[in-house]
Amino acid sequence: MSDHDPDVVQRLLTLRQYAAFAAADLGELATIAENVEEVTFPAGAVVAPAGRVPPLQLVIEGRIEAARPGGAVASWGRHQVFGVLEVMAGRPIATAAVATVETRTYQLGAIDFADLLEDNFGLLSSARRALARQLVVLDRLGAPRPSIARGAGASTGAVVPTVRARG
């Protein structure tokens, strides 16, 4: 990491606020900070089209939503990560994800994220712990468990999506 690159330093400080990276080694986190691209989506813009493995979207501000089977809507807001499970599983999302308000994210391509996890065990461990904590929370709330049958492709979103029924 360049000692004089204020953008990378700002990204590093922002990334530290995400649960998935809270326990990550600063050197490994700097690797992500150097590789993310800041993207702004206007309200109504498609963040990730259906049928593709989405890029990882770390929401800085704004909101991303995606419809679920049965009418529920999953929502990701500030300091939440969209697409991490799909990227880790190499599975496409079932429905398009849309920015409901102007949304700023740090974006990292699926292949880039997978490569970073493979090369940086501390990042993988930190992300795994954050995911496990969230699964425990969802289990305690009585959330339905995802199918793990071979070939199951249900989109799981990412770290702590908020799910509500469409009304």
Foldseek 3Di string as FASTA:
>chain_A
DDPPDVQLVVLLVQLCLAQLCVQFDSVLSSVVSVAWDKDKDAAFDFQAAFPAQHWKWQWQAFKKWWAFPPQKIWMDGHNWIWRPVCLVVVFTAHHTIGGRHTTITTTHGSVRVVVSCVVGVRSVVSNVVQQVVQVVVCVVVVHDDQDPPVPDRHDPIGRDIDMDGDD
